Amino acid sequence: GLYRTLDGGKNWEIATVGWNARGANSFAIDPKNPNRVIGLGANSMDWGENWGGNIPNGVYLSTNKAASWKHVHKLREGLGNVVVIDPTSF
């Protein structure tokens, strides 16, 4: 599962609202706004064309410290890849 902590690891809670991928490859927290988190969802393999059109792999965005997620960019790739936030780009 996907969990989050708001107290430095003392307590953890599930954080999968809106997260449709079975797993994740990478996360990045915005250094200028800790409410914003980007996650890279994955399913342990590339998404097969015969699996249907609802591709759960890709980029997810949270604007509330991972309480919920929005799937903002679909990717067929499910292995590898990383996501980072470039603070100079905004």
C-alpha atoms as a PDB file:
ATOM      1  CA  GLY A   1       0.000   0.000   0.000  1.00  0.00           C
ATOM      2  CA  LEU A   2       0.820   3.661  -0.040  1.00  0.00           C
ATOM      3  CA  TYR A   3       1.100   5.418   3.330  1.00  0.00           C
ATOM      4  CA  ARG A   4       1.910   8.899   4.592  1.00  0.00           C
ATOM      5  CA  THR A   5       3.085  10.356   7.892  1.00  0.00           C
ATOM      6  CA  LEU A   6       2.527  13.886   9.138  1.00  0.00           C
ATOM      7  CA  ASP A   7       4.524  13.584  12.366  1.00  0.00           C
ATOM      8  CA  GLY A   8       7.959  12.384  11.327  1.00  0.00           C
ATOM      9  CA  GLY A   9       7.091   8.693  11.268  1.00  0.00           C
ATOM     10  CA  LYS A  10       5.346   8.255  14.637  1.00  0.00           C
ATOM     11  CA  ASN A  11       2.006   7.536  12.982  1.00  0.00           C
ATOM     12  CA  TRP A  12       1.160   6.335   9.476  1.00  0.00           C
ATOM     13  CA  GLU A  13      -2.082   6.331   7.504  1.00  0.00           C
ATOM     14  CA  ILE A  14      -3.088   4.896   4.153  1.00  0.00           C
ATOM     15  CA  ALA A  15      -2.825   7.408   1.314  1.00  0.00           C
ATOM     16  CA  THR A  16      -4.390   5.817  -1.760  1.00  0.00           C
ATOM     17  CA  VAL A  17      -7.400   8.037  -2.504  1.00  0.00           C
ATOM     18  CA  GLY A  18      -7.214   8.573  -6.267  1.00  0.00           C
ATOM     19  CA  TRP A  19      -4.074   6.413  -6.643  1.00  0.00           C
ATOM     20  CA  ASN A  20      -4.989   3.683  -9.141  1.00  0.00           C
ATOM     21  CA  ALA A  21      -1.573   2.160  -9.826  1.00  0.00           C
ATOM     22  CA  ARG A  22      -0.586  -1.033  -7.988  1.00  0.00           C
ATOM     23  CA  GLY A  23       2.754   0.427  -6.974  1.00  0.00           C
ATOM     24  CA  ALA A  24       5.110   3.375  -7.282  1.00  0.00           C
ATOM     25  CA  ASN A  25       8.591   4.080  -8.592  1.00  0.00           C
ATOM     26  CA  SER A  26       9.367   7.528  -7.227  1.00  0.00           C
ATOM     27  CA  PHE A  27       8.087  10.496  -5.209  1.00  0.00           C
ATOM     28  CA  ALA A  28       9.137  14.147  -4.987  1.00  0.00           C
ATOM     29  CA  ILE A  29       7.973  16.787  -2.501  1.00  0.00           C
ATOM     30  CA  ASP A  30       7.903  20.386  -3.680  1.00  0.00           C
ATOM     31  CA  PRO A  31      10.613  22.208  -1.675  1.00  0.00           C
ATOM     32  CA  LYS A  32       8.649  25.464  -1.863  1.00  0.00           C
ATOM     33  CA  ASN A  33       5.239  23.988  -1.020  1.00  0.00           C
ATOM     34  CA  PRO A  34       5.177  20.764   1.055  1.00  0.00           C
ATOM     35  CA  ASN A  35       1.460  20.308   0.290  1.00  0.00           C
ATOM     36  CA  ARG A  36       2.422  19.400  -3.313  1.00  0.00           C
ATOM     37  CA  VAL A  37       3.769  15.903  -3.950  1.00  0.00           C
ATOM     38  CA  ILE A  38       4.396  14.201  -7.286  1.00  0.00           C
ATOM     39  CA  GLY A  39       4.363  10.412  -7.484  1.00  0.00           C
ATOM     40  CA  LEU A  40       5.170   8.065 -10.330  1.00  0.00           C
ATOM     41  CA  GLY A  41       2.676   5.195 -10.352  1.00  0.00           C
ATOM     42  CA  ALA A  42       3.645   1.805 -11.740  1.00  0.00           C
ATOM     43  CA  ASN A  43       2.353  -1.752 -11.975  1.00  0.00           C
ATOM     44  CA  SER A  44       5.594  -3.800 -12.021  1.00  0.00           C
ATOM     45  CA  MET A  45       5.476  -4.055 -15.827  1.00  0.00           C
ATOM     46  CA  ASP A  46       4.673  -1.955 -18.869  1.00  0.00           C
ATOM     47  CA  TRP A  47       0.934  -1.598 -19.533  1.00  0.00           C
ATOM     48  CA  GLY A  48      -0.168  -4.057 -22.206  1.00  0.00           C
ATOM     49  CA  GLU A  49      -2.350  -2.771 -25.018  1.00  0.00           C
ATOM     50  CA  ASN A  50      -4.764  -5.694 -24.554  1.00  0.00           C
ATOM     51  CA  TRP A  51      -5.369  -4.748 -20.880  1.00  0.00           C
ATOM     52  CA  GLY A  52      -7.781  -1.941 -21.708  1.00  0.00           C
ATOM     53  CA  GLY A  53      -7.646   1.802 -22.058  1.00  0.00           C
ATOM     54  CA  ASN A  54      -7.550   2.812 -18.381  1.00  0.00           C
ATOM     55  CA  ILE A  55      -3.775   3.032 -17.926  1.00  0.00           C
ATOM     56  CA  PRO A  56      -3.010   3.466 -14.193  1.00  0.00           C
ATOM     57  CA  ASN A  57       0.748   4.023 -14.682  1.00  0.00           C
ATOM     58  CA  GLY A  58       2.062   7.575 -14.835  1.00  0.00           C
ATOM     59  CA  VAL A  59       2.377  10.823 -12.956  1.00  0.00           C
ATOM     60  CA  TYR A  60       0.131  11.545  -9.963  1.00  0.00           C
ATOM     61  CA  LEU A  61      -0.181  14.904  -8.197  1.00  0.00           C
ATOM     62  CA  SER A  62      -1.273  15.607  -4.634  1.00  0.00           C
ATOM     63  CA  THR A  63      -1.907  19.137  -3.392  1.00  0.00           C
ATOM     64  CA  ASN A  64      -2.812  18.086   0.167  1.00  0.00           C
ATOM     65  CA  LYS A  65       0.253  16.200   1.482  1.00  0.00           C
ATOM     66  CA  ALA A  66      -0.772  12.908  -0.170  1.00  0.00           C
ATOM     67  CA  ALA A  67      -4.261  12.795   1.369  1.00  0.00           C
ATOM     68  CA  SER A  68      -5.563  12.341  -2.195  1.00  0.00           C
ATOM     69  CA  TRP A  69      -4.112  12.057  -5.684  1.00  0.00           C
ATOM     70  CA  LYS A  70      -5.001  13.112  -9.231  1.00  0.00           C
ATOM     71  CA  HIS A  71      -3.669  11.121 -12.200  1.00  0.00           C
ATOM     72  CA  VAL A  72      -2.266  13.926 -14.368  1.00  0.00           C
ATOM     73  CA  HIS A  73      -0.219  12.076 -17.007  1.00  0.00           C
ATOM     74  CA  LYS A  74      -0.571   8.472 -18.213  1.00  0.00           C
ATOM     75  CA  LEU A  75       2.462   6.355 -19.120  1.00  0.00           C
ATOM     76  CA  ARG A  76       2.554   2.823 -20.500  1.00  0.00           C
ATOM     77  CA  GLU A  77       5.927   2.250 -18.837  1.00  0.00           C
ATOM     78  CA  GLY A  78       5.726   0.518 -15.474  1.00  0.00           C
ATOM     79  CA  LEU A  79       9.372  -0.226 -14.733  1.00  0.00           C
ATOM     80  CA  GLY A  80      12.025   2.283 -13.792  1.00  0.00           C
ATOM     81  CA  ASN A  81      11.703   6.042 -14.251  1.00  0.00           C
ATOM     82  CA  VAL A  82      11.989   8.700 -11.575  1.00  0.00           C
ATOM     83  CA  VAL A  83      10.282  12.007 -10.915  1.00  0.00           C
ATOM     84  CA  VAL A  84      11.853  15.186  -9.511  1.00  0.00           C
ATOM     85  CA  ILE A  85      10.737  18.752  -8.925  1.00  0.00           C
ATOM     86  CA  ASP A  86      12.913  21.453 -10.474  1.00  0.00           C
ATOM     87  CA  PRO A  87      12.493  24.495  -8.223  1.00  0.00           C
ATOM     88  CA  THR A  88      13.950  26.775 -10.929  1.00  0.00           C
ATOM     89  CA  SER A  89      11.095  26.003 -13.324  1.00  0.00           C
ATOM     90  CA  PHE A  90       8.411  27.835 -11.350  1.00  0.00           C
END
